[in-house]
Amino acid sequence: MTSQTQSIARPASRLLTSLQMQAREYRDRGLLLFIVLALPAIFFSASFYSSPTGGNLMPIQVPELNETVEVMIEPRENWSMGIGILGVAWGVSTIAFFSVMGNLQRDRRLILSGYRSWEILLARLGILVGASIPLAVAGMIPYTLVTTSNHPEVVWLANFMAGLIAAGFGLLVGTLLPKPTEGMLIVILVTGIGLALNGDAAKYFFLYQPIQMLISGRLATDPRILPFVGGSLGMAIVFLIPALFLWWRRTRIAR
């Protein structure tokens, strides 16, 4: 009985230690976290207040629960619709990238010391999910203070789903390109592409599902949620599976 209890306690203790190590690492990056938290509001404000006011209303397709309806809104609200989500995604992907970049040798030493790969990975993902919660709030605040949203809770959920997808994206970039300059250039490039996409091309961007959920939460009377949640989780898995496999391969080779 005692040996069984100890065998269960050891993985739990290692997982807790891994979580504490990740938390201390982010605590030492206080300035980075502050900048990342401010990004959604900065992205939104720069777009919203630089867009023209008045003029002709612009049509936007709003996903309702059972159909898609066309709603007319001001140009500045249309152009800034997905900016907050892109800010959240940029912030979480940056945190995820730095959680992998430069840590390969340390992770190898932990595995050689008796830690399991899944314990380190689970701790890292747990910290990233935790970071997505306040970032989602930061991404929601501009929409509630500056504009109006019919369902603010759906707006928050859309930002949170974007954070989960971005966590997988950042981990994948950090695993493929574990160098700060090259990796961050990729993150910046992809975010810039997301800012520029419009029309049908936006459907192929990996944040399309949470952006559509945000539009539904802001403008729909009866918002569509579950299909976009499922699509967002699927996209996060698309990034996470190769990232985790490649990370496992790199740490396994050194054993």
C-alpha atoms as a PDB file:
ATOM      1  CA  MET A   1       0.000   0.000   0.000  1.00  0.00           C
ATOM      2  CA  THR A   2       2.815   2.382   0.900  1.00  0.00           C
ATOM      3  CA  SER A   3       4.757   1.671  -2.298  1.00  0.00           C
ATOM      4  CA  GLN A   4       1.626   2.321  -4.393  1.00  0.00           C
ATOM      5  CA  THR A   5       1.045   5.621  -2.615  1.00  0.00           C
ATOM      6  CA  GLN A   6       4.657   6.668  -3.193  1.00  0.00           C
ATOM      7  CA  SER A   7       4.502   5.702  -6.885  1.00  0.00           C
ATOM      8  CA  ILE A   8       1.455   7.953  -7.297  1.00  0.00           C
ATOM      9  CA  ALA A   9       2.938  10.767  -5.212  1.00  0.00           C
ATOM     10  CA  ARG A  10       6.224  10.928  -7.126  1.00  0.00           C
ATOM     11  CA  PRO A  11       4.695  11.888 -10.513  1.00  0.00           C
ATOM     12  CA  ALA A  12       2.384  14.374  -8.772  1.00  0.00           C
ATOM     13  CA  SER A  13       5.353  15.904  -6.947  1.00  0.00           C
ATOM     14  CA  ARG A  14       7.389  16.160 -10.152  1.00  0.00           C
ATOM     15  CA  LEU A  15       4.445  17.740 -11.967  1.00  0.00           C
ATOM     16  CA  LEU A  16       4.033  20.291  -9.169  1.00  0.00           C
ATOM     17  CA  THR A  17       7.770  21.033  -9.273  1.00  0.00           C
ATOM     18  CA  SER A  18       7.590  21.504 -13.056  1.00  0.00           C
ATOM     19  CA  LEU A  19       4.685  23.927 -12.655  1.00  0.00           C
ATOM     20  CA  GLN A  20       6.621  25.894 -10.041  1.00  0.00           C
ATOM     21  CA  MET A  21       9.686  26.065 -12.284  1.00  0.00           C
ATOM     22  CA  GLN A  22       7.631  27.400 -15.199  1.00  0.00           C
ATOM     23  CA  ALA A  23       5.876  29.928 -12.936  1.00  0.00           C
ATOM     24  CA  ARG A  24       9.206  31.201 -11.553  1.00  0.00           C
ATOM     25  CA  GLU A  25      10.560  31.588 -15.062  1.00  0.00           C
ATOM     26  CA  TYR A  26       7.628  33.794 -16.064  1.00  0.00           C
ATOM     27  CA  ARG A  27       7.865  35.711 -12.783  1.00  0.00           C
ATOM     28  CA  ASP A  28      11.379  36.726 -13.763  1.00  0.00           C
ATOM     29  CA  ARG A  29      10.030  38.016 -17.094  1.00  0.00           C
ATOM     30  CA  GLY A  30       7.721  40.594 -15.531  1.00  0.00           C
ATOM     31  CA  LEU A  31       8.307  43.279 -18.150  1.00  0.00           C
ATOM     32  CA  LEU A  32       7.608  40.813 -20.965  1.00  0.00           C
ATOM     33  CA  LEU A  33       4.329  39.760 -19.348  1.00  0.00           C
ATOM     34  CA  PHE A  34       3.277  43.379 -18.842  1.00  0.00           C
ATOM     35  CA  ILE A  35       3.914  44.193 -22.500  1.00  0.00           C
ATOM     36  CA  VAL A  36       2.054  41.079 -23.585  1.00  0.00           C
ATOM     37  CA  LEU A  37      -0.955  41.969 -21.409  1.00  0.00           C
ATOM     38  CA  ALA A  38      -1.067  45.466 -22.905  1.00  0.00           C
ATOM     39  CA  LEU A  39      -0.897  44.258 -26.507  1.00  0.00           C
ATOM     40  CA  PRO A  40      -4.624  43.490 -27.067  1.00  0.00           C
ATOM     41  CA  ALA A  41      -5.660  46.979 -25.918  1.00  0.00           C
ATOM     42  CA  ILE A  42      -2.870  48.608 -27.955  1.00  0.00           C
ATOM     43  CA  PHE A  43      -3.788  46.675 -31.103  1.00  0.00           C
ATOM     44  CA  PHE A  44      -7.467  47.551 -30.727  1.00  0.00           C
ATOM     45  CA  SER A  45      -6.926  51.232 -29.884  1.00  0.00           C
ATOM     46  CA  ALA A  46      -4.513  51.792 -32.765  1.00  0.00           C
ATOM     47  CA  SER A  47      -7.000  50.347 -35.239  1.00  0.00           C
ATOM     48  CA  PHE A  48     -10.208  51.759 -33.754  1.00  0.00           C
ATOM     49  CA  TYR A  49      -9.127  55.351 -33.266  1.00  0.00           C
ATOM     50  CA  SER A  50      -7.268  55.588 -36.573  1.00  0.00           C
ATOM     51  CA  SER A  51     -10.303  54.405 -38.540  1.00  0.00           C
ATOM     52  CA  PRO A  52     -12.706  56.991 -39.992  1.00  0.00           C
ATOM     53  CA  THR A  53     -15.988  57.726 -38.255  1.00  0.00           C
ATOM     54  CA  GLY A  54     -19.336  58.223 -39.908  1.00  0.00           C
ATOM     55  CA  GLY A  55     -19.729  57.633 -43.606  1.00  0.00           C
ATOM     56  CA  ASN A  56     -21.580  54.759 -45.174  1.00  0.00           C
ATOM     57  CA  LEU A  57     -22.319  51.738 -43.037  1.00  0.00           C
ATOM     58  CA  MET A  58     -20.528  48.540 -44.004  1.00  0.00           C
ATOM     59  CA  PRO A  59     -22.111  45.057 -44.145  1.00  0.00           C
ATOM     60  CA  ILE A  60     -20.749  42.240 -42.023  1.00  0.00           C
ATOM     61  CA  GLN A  61     -21.837  38.611 -41.918  1.00  0.00           C
ATOM     62  CA  VAL A  62     -22.898  37.705 -38.380  1.00  0.00           C
ATOM     63  CA  PRO A  63     -23.231  34.001 -37.415  1.00  0.00           C
ATOM     64  CA  GLU A  64     -26.488  33.470 -35.552  1.00  0.00           C
ATOM     65  CA  LEU A  65     -27.349  30.125 -33.959  1.00  0.00           C
ATOM     66  CA  ASN A  66     -29.103  28.666 -37.017  1.00  0.00           C
ATOM     67  CA  GLU A  67     -28.216  31.066 -39.825  1.00  0.00           C
ATOM     68  CA  THR A  68     -25.924  33.858 -40.924  1.00  0.00           C
ATOM     69  CA  VAL A  69     -27.399  37.339 -41.161  1.00  0.00           C
ATOM     70  CA  GLU A  70     -26.053  40.584 -42.593  1.00  0.00           C
ATOM     71  CA  VAL A  71     -25.670  43.506 -40.193  1.00  0.00           C
ATOM     72  CA  MET A  72     -24.660  47.060 -41.081  1.00  0.00           C
ATOM     73  CA  ILE A  73     -22.057  48.665 -38.815  1.00  0.00           C
ATOM     74  CA  GLU A  74     -19.707  51.649 -38.894  1.00  0.00           C
ATOM     75  CA  PRO A  75     -16.435  51.188 -40.808  1.00  0.00           C
ATOM     76  CA  ARG A  76     -14.258  51.641 -37.711  1.00  0.00           C
ATOM     77  CA  GLU A  77     -16.057  48.825 -35.897  1.00  0.00           C
ATOM     78  CA  ASN A  78     -15.771  46.524 -38.892  1.00  0.00           C
ATOM     79  CA  TRP A  79     -12.044  47.105 -39.376  1.00  0.00           C
ATOM     80  CA  SER A  80     -11.194  46.645 -35.703  1.00  0.00           C
ATOM     81  CA  MET A  81     -13.362  43.554 -35.200  1.00  0.00           C
ATOM     82  CA  GLY A  82     -10.561  40.982 -34.945  1.00  0.00           C
ATOM     83  CA  ILE A  83      -7.728  43.233 -33.768  1.00  0.00           C
ATOM     84  CA  GLY A  84      -8.115  42.396 -30.076  1.00  0.00           C
ATOM     85  CA  ILE A  85      -7.999  38.671 -30.821  1.00  0.00           C
ATOM     86  CA  LEU A  86      -4.833  39.139 -32.860  1.00  0.00           C
ATOM     87  CA  GLY A  87      -3.298  40.959 -29.899  1.00  0.00           C
ATOM     88  CA  VAL A  88      -4.186  38.064 -27.588  1.00  0.00           C
ATOM     89  CA  ALA A  89      -2.792  35.562 -30.093  1.00  0.00           C
ATOM     90  CA  TRP A  90       0.431  37.529 -30.496  1.00  0.00           C
ATOM     91  CA  GLY A  91       0.883  37.703 -26.733  1.00  0.00           C
ATOM     92  CA  VAL A  92       0.212  34.017 -26.010  1.00  0.00           C
ATOM     93  CA  SER A  93       2.287  32.804 -28.962  1.00  0.00           C
ATOM     94  CA  THR A  94       5.171  34.974 -27.719  1.00  0.00           C
ATOM     95  CA  ILE A  95       4.934  33.487 -24.218  1.00  0.00           C
ATOM     96  CA  ALA A  96       4.716  29.967 -25.664  1.00  0.00           C
ATOM     97  CA  PHE A  97       7.688  30.579 -27.941  1.00  0.00           C
ATOM     98  CA  PHE A  98       9.911  31.780 -25.104  1.00  0.00           C
ATOM     99  CA  SER A  99       8.803  28.859 -22.918  1.00  0.00           C
ATOM    100  CA  VAL A 100      10.456  26.490 -25.407  1.00  0.00           C
ATOM    101  CA  MET A 101      13.217  28.608 -26.923  1.00  0.00           C
ATOM    102  CA  GLY A 102      16.485  28.127 -25.070  1.00  0.00           C
ATOM    103  CA  ASN A 103      15.100  25.525 -22.660  1.00  0.00           C
ATOM    104  CA  LEU A 104      16.004  22.378 -24.571  1.00  0.00           C
ATOM    105  CA  GLN A 105      19.187  21.645 -22.600  1.00  0.00           C
ATOM    106  CA  ARG A 106      17.434  22.249 -19.284  1.00  0.00           C
ATOM    107  CA  ASP A 107      14.566  19.959 -20.285  1.00  0.00           C
ATOM    108  CA  ARG A 108      17.047  17.251 -21.238  1.00  0.00           C
ATOM    109  CA  ARG A 109      18.714  17.536 -17.839  1.00  0.00           C
ATOM    110  CA  LEU A 110      15.338  17.219 -16.127  1.00  0.00           C
ATOM    111  CA  ILE A 111      14.523  14.074 -18.085  1.00  0.00           C
ATOM    112  CA  LEU A 112      17.917  12.576 -17.266  1.00  0.00           C
ATOM    113  CA  SER A 113      17.200  13.396 -13.598  1.00  0.00           C
ATOM    114  CA  GLY A 114      14.067  11.260 -13.628  1.00  0.00           C
ATOM    115  CA  TYR A 115      11.354  13.584 -14.904  1.00  0.00           C
ATOM    116  CA  ARG A 116       8.951  12.342 -17.575  1.00  0.00           C
ATOM    117  CA  SER A 117       8.392  14.160 -20.846  1.00  0.00           C
ATOM    118  CA  TRP A 118       4.657  14.373 -20.281  1.00  0.00           C
ATOM    119  CA  GLU A 119       5.156  15.995 -16.865  1.00  0.00           C
ATOM    120  CA  ILE A 120       7.223  18.842 -18.311  1.00  0.00           C
ATOM    121  CA  LEU A 121       4.852  19.254 -21.261  1.00  0.00           C
ATOM    122  CA  LEU A 122       1.736  19.199 -19.093  1.00  0.00           C
ATOM    123  CA  ALA A 123       3.221  21.817 -16.764  1.00  0.00           C
ATOM    124  CA  ARG A 124       4.134  24.035 -19.719  1.00  0.00           C
ATOM    125  CA  LEU A 125       0.672  23.743 -21.247  1.00  0.00           C
ATOM    126  CA  GLY A 126      -0.943  24.419 -17.874  1.00  0.00           C
ATOM    127  CA  ILE A 127       0.994  27.664 -17.478  1.00  0.00           C
ATOM    128  CA  LEU A 128       0.085  28.721 -21.025  1.00  0.00           C
ATOM    129  CA  VAL A 129      -3.608  28.023 -20.449  1.00  0.00           C
ATOM    130  CA  GLY A 130      -3.395  30.031 -17.238  1.00  0.00           C
ATOM    131  CA  ALA A 131      -1.761  32.908 -19.109  1.00  0.00           C
ATOM    132  CA  SER A 132      -4.549  32.822 -21.695  1.00  0.00           C
ATOM    133  CA  ILE A 133      -7.185  33.652 -19.060  1.00  0.00           C
ATOM    134  CA  PRO A 134      -6.019  37.207 -18.136  1.00  0.00           C
ATOM    135  CA  LEU A 135      -5.019  37.854 -21.753  1.00  0.00           C
ATOM    136  CA  ALA A 136      -8.550  36.959 -22.843  1.00  0.00           C
ATOM    137  CA  VAL A 137      -9.880  39.472 -20.302  1.00  0.00           C
ATOM    138  CA  ALA A 138      -7.459  42.088 -21.643  1.00  0.00           C
ATOM    139  CA  GLY A 139      -8.684  41.364 -25.151  1.00  0.00           C
ATOM    140  CA  MET A 140     -12.322  41.662 -24.060  1.00  0.00           C
ATOM    141  CA  ILE A 141     -12.008  44.976 -22.195  1.00  0.00           C
ATOM    142  CA  PRO A 142     -11.798  47.251 -25.278  1.00  0.00           C
ATOM    143  CA  TYR A 143     -14.961  45.742 -26.747  1.00  0.00           C
ATOM    144  CA  THR A 144     -16.910  46.365 -23.537  1.00  0.00           C
ATOM    145  CA  LEU A 145     -15.586  49.873 -22.792  1.00  0.00           C
ATOM    146  CA  VAL A 146     -15.406  51.423 -26.267  1.00  0.00           C
ATOM    147  CA  THR A 147     -18.106  49.538 -28.160  1.00  0.00           C
ATOM    148  CA  THR A 148     -21.088  47.402 -27.247  1.00  0.00           C
ATOM    149  CA  SER A 149     -21.371  43.624 -27.215  1.00  0.00           C
ATOM    150  CA  ASN A 150     -24.597  41.654 -26.964  1.00  0.00           C
ATOM    151  CA  HIS A 151     -22.815  38.760 -25.244  1.00  0.00           C
ATOM    152  CA  PRO A 152     -19.552  39.799 -23.509  1.00  0.00           C
ATOM    153  CA  GLU A 153     -19.025  36.270 -22.166  1.00  0.00           C
ATOM    154  CA  VAL A 154     -18.844  34.949 -25.738  1.00  0.00           C
ATOM    155  CA  VAL A 155     -16.340  37.688 -26.591  1.00  0.00           C
ATOM    156  CA  TRP A 156     -14.173  36.489 -23.696  1.00  0.00           C
ATOM    157  CA  LEU A 157     -14.521  32.872 -24.811  1.00  0.00           C
ATOM    158  CA  ALA A 158     -13.467  33.825 -28.340  1.00  0.00           C
ATOM    159  CA  ASN A 159     -10.331  35.495 -27.006  1.00  0.00           C
ATOM    160  CA  PHE A 160      -9.593  32.494 -24.796  1.00  0.00           C
ATOM    161  CA  MET A 161      -9.943  30.087 -27.744  1.00  0.00           C
ATOM    162  CA  ALA A 162      -7.584  32.295 -29.729  1.00  0.00           C
ATOM    163  CA  GLY A 163      -5.110  32.036 -26.852  1.00  0.00           C
ATOM    164  CA  LEU A 164      -5.257  28.225 -26.902  1.00  0.00           C
ATOM    165  CA  ILE A 165      -4.600  28.140 -30.642  1.00  0.00           C
ATOM    166  CA  ALA A 166      -1.766  30.642 -30.287  1.00  0.00           C
ATOM    167  CA  ALA A 167      -0.213  28.551 -27.510  1.00  0.00           C
ATOM    168  CA  GLY A 168       0.052  25.622 -29.893  1.00  0.00           C
ATOM    169  CA  PHE A 169       1.376  27.867 -32.650  1.00  0.00           C
ATOM    170  CA  GLY A 170       4.034  29.386 -30.392  1.00  0.00           C
ATOM    171  CA  LEU A 171       5.151  25.980 -29.132  1.00  0.00           C
ATOM    172  CA  LEU A 172       5.464  24.713 -32.704  1.00  0.00           C
ATOM    173  CA  VAL A 173       7.530  27.723 -33.794  1.00  0.00           C
ATOM    174  CA  GLY A 174       9.729  27.419 -30.697  1.00  0.00           C
ATOM    175  CA  THR A 175      10.321  23.735 -31.408  1.00  0.00           C
ATOM    176  CA  LEU A 176      11.071  24.210 -35.107  1.00  0.00           C
ATOM    177  CA  LEU A 177      13.125  27.410 -34.726  1.00  0.00           C
ATOM    178  CA  PRO A 178      14.637  27.524 -31.209  1.00  0.00           C
ATOM    179  CA  LYS A 179      16.413  30.820 -31.951  1.00  0.00           C
ATOM    180  CA  PRO A 180      14.985  34.165 -30.761  1.00  0.00           C
ATOM    181  CA  THR A 181      15.444  36.229 -33.915  1.00  0.00           C
ATOM    182  CA  GLU A 182      14.176  33.726 -36.470  1.00  0.00           C
ATOM    183  CA  GLY A 183      11.322  32.521 -34.285  1.00  0.00           C
ATOM    184  CA  MET A 184      10.003  35.972 -33.401  1.00  0.00           C
ATOM    185  CA  LEU A 185      10.198  37.052 -37.043  1.00  0.00           C
ATOM    186  CA  ILE A 186       7.910  34.147 -37.931  1.00  0.00           C
ATOM    187  CA  VAL A 187       5.459  35.086 -35.158  1.00  0.00           C
ATOM    188  CA  ILE A 188       5.442  38.730 -36.284  1.00  0.00           C
ATOM    189  CA  LEU A 189       5.067  37.731 -39.937  1.00  0.00           C
ATOM    190  CA  VAL A 190       2.083  35.463 -39.281  1.00  0.00           C
ATOM    191  CA  THR A 191       0.396  38.102 -37.096  1.00  0.00           C
ATOM    192  CA  GLY A 192       0.923  40.707 -39.810  1.00  0.00           C
ATOM    193  CA  ILE A 193      -0.648  38.397 -42.373  1.00  0.00           C
ATOM    194  CA  GLY A 194      -3.668  38.034 -40.100  1.00  0.00           C
ATOM    195  CA  LEU A 195      -4.024  41.827 -39.929  1.00  0.00           C
ATOM    196  CA  ALA A 196      -3.993  42.100 -43.717  1.00  0.00           C
ATOM    197  CA  LEU A 197      -6.378  39.274 -44.645  1.00  0.00           C
ATOM    198  CA  ASN A 198      -9.916  40.129 -45.737  1.00  0.00           C
ATOM    199  CA  GLY A 199     -12.801  38.427 -47.479  1.00  0.00           C
ATOM    200  CA  ASP A 200     -12.630  34.742 -48.370  1.00  0.00           C
ATOM    201  CA  ALA A 201      -8.882  34.626 -47.727  1.00  0.00           C
ATOM    202  CA  ALA A 202      -9.538  35.181 -44.016  1.00  0.00           C
ATOM    203  CA  LYS A 203     -11.266  31.778 -43.853  1.00  0.00           C
ATOM    204  CA  TYR A 204      -7.870  30.082 -44.242  1.00  0.00           C
ATOM    205  CA  PHE A 205      -6.247  31.953 -41.357  1.00  0.00           C
ATOM    206  CA  PHE A 206      -5.829  29.794 -38.250  1.00  0.00           C
ATOM    207  CA  LEU A 207      -7.713  32.300 -36.050  1.00  0.00           C
ATOM    208  CA  TYR A 208     -10.790  32.382 -38.293  1.00  0.00           C
ATOM    209  CA  GLN A 209     -12.941  30.333 -35.874  1.00  0.00           C
ATOM    210  CA  PRO A 210     -12.420  32.521 -32.756  1.00  0.00           C
ATOM    211  CA  ILE A 211     -12.816  35.694 -34.845  1.00  0.00           C
ATOM    212  CA  GLN A 212     -16.180  34.445 -36.093  1.00  0.00           C
ATOM    213  CA  MET A 213     -17.153  33.618 -32.506  1.00  0.00           C
ATOM    214  CA  LEU A 214     -16.224  37.143 -31.454  1.00  0.00           C
ATOM    215  CA  ILE A 215     -18.372  38.626 -34.238  1.00  0.00           C
ATOM    216  CA  SER A 216     -21.255  36.417 -33.137  1.00  0.00           C
ATOM    217  CA  GLY A 217     -20.802  37.371 -29.486  1.00  0.00           C
ATOM    218  CA  ARG A 218     -20.704  41.065 -30.278  1.00  0.00           C
ATOM    219  CA  LEU A 219     -23.512  41.386 -32.788  1.00  0.00           C
ATOM    220  CA  ALA A 220     -25.725  38.275 -32.745  1.00  0.00           C
ATOM    221  CA  THR A 221     -28.928  38.039 -30.741  1.00  0.00           C
ATOM    222  CA  ASP A 222     -28.543  34.280 -30.372  1.00  0.00           C
ATOM    223  CA  PRO A 223     -24.811  33.617 -30.889  1.00  0.00           C
ATOM    224  CA  ARG A 224     -23.318  30.517 -32.484  1.00  0.00           C
ATOM    225  CA  ILE A 225     -20.798  29.011 -30.060  1.00  0.00           C
ATOM    226  CA  LEU A 226     -20.280  25.240 -30.163  1.00  0.00           C
ATOM    227  CA  PRO A 227     -19.155  24.902 -33.817  1.00  0.00           C
ATOM    228  CA  PHE A 228     -16.547  27.630 -33.325  1.00  0.00           C
ATOM    229  CA  VAL A 229     -15.354  26.138 -30.032  1.00  0.00           C
ATOM    230  CA  GLY A 230     -14.947  22.761 -31.725  1.00  0.00           C
ATOM    231  CA  GLY A 231     -13.121  24.303 -34.683  1.00  0.00           C
ATOM    232  CA  SER A 232     -10.817  26.257 -32.373  1.00  0.00           C
ATOM    233  CA  LEU A 233      -9.940  23.177 -30.316  1.00  0.00           C
ATOM    234  CA  GLY A 234      -9.280  21.248 -33.509  1.00  0.00           C
ATOM    235  CA  MET A 235      -6.914  23.945 -34.757  1.00  0.00           C
ATOM    236  CA  ALA A 236      -5.091  23.997 -31.408  1.00  0.00           C
ATOM    237  CA  ILE A 237      -4.589  20.231 -31.649  1.00  0.00           C
ATOM    238  CA  VAL A 238      -3.261  20.617 -35.206  1.00  0.00           C
ATOM    239  CA  PHE A 239      -0.458  22.784 -33.803  1.00  0.00           C
ATOM    240  CA  LEU A 240       0.084  20.908 -30.544  1.00  0.00           C
ATOM    241  CA  ILE A 241       0.521  17.371 -31.889  1.00  0.00           C
ATOM    242  CA  PRO A 242       3.539  18.089 -34.146  1.00  0.00           C
ATOM    243  CA  ALA A 243       5.001  20.496 -31.573  1.00  0.00           C
ATOM    244  CA  LEU A 244       4.844  17.930 -28.774  1.00  0.00           C
ATOM    245  CA  PHE A 245       6.119  15.122 -31.002  1.00  0.00           C
ATOM    246  CA  LEU A 246       9.098  17.153 -32.223  1.00  0.00           C
ATOM    247  CA  TRP A 247       9.897  18.288 -28.676  1.00  0.00           C
ATOM    248  CA  TRP A 248       9.728  14.682 -27.438  1.00  0.00           C
ATOM    249  CA  ARG A 249      12.042  13.558 -30.240  1.00  0.00           C
ATOM    250  CA  ARG A 250      14.621  16.227 -29.390  1.00  0.00           C
ATOM    251  CA  THR A 251      14.671  15.391 -25.702  1.00  0.00           C
ATOM    252  CA  ARG A 252      14.623  11.644 -26.336  1.00  0.00           C
ATOM    253  CA  ILE A 253      17.708  11.727 -28.579  1.00  0.00           C
ATOM    254  CA  ALA A 254      19.865  13.101 -25.760  1.00  0.00           C
ATOM    255  CA  ARG A 255      18.996  10.384 -23.257  1.00  0.00           C
END
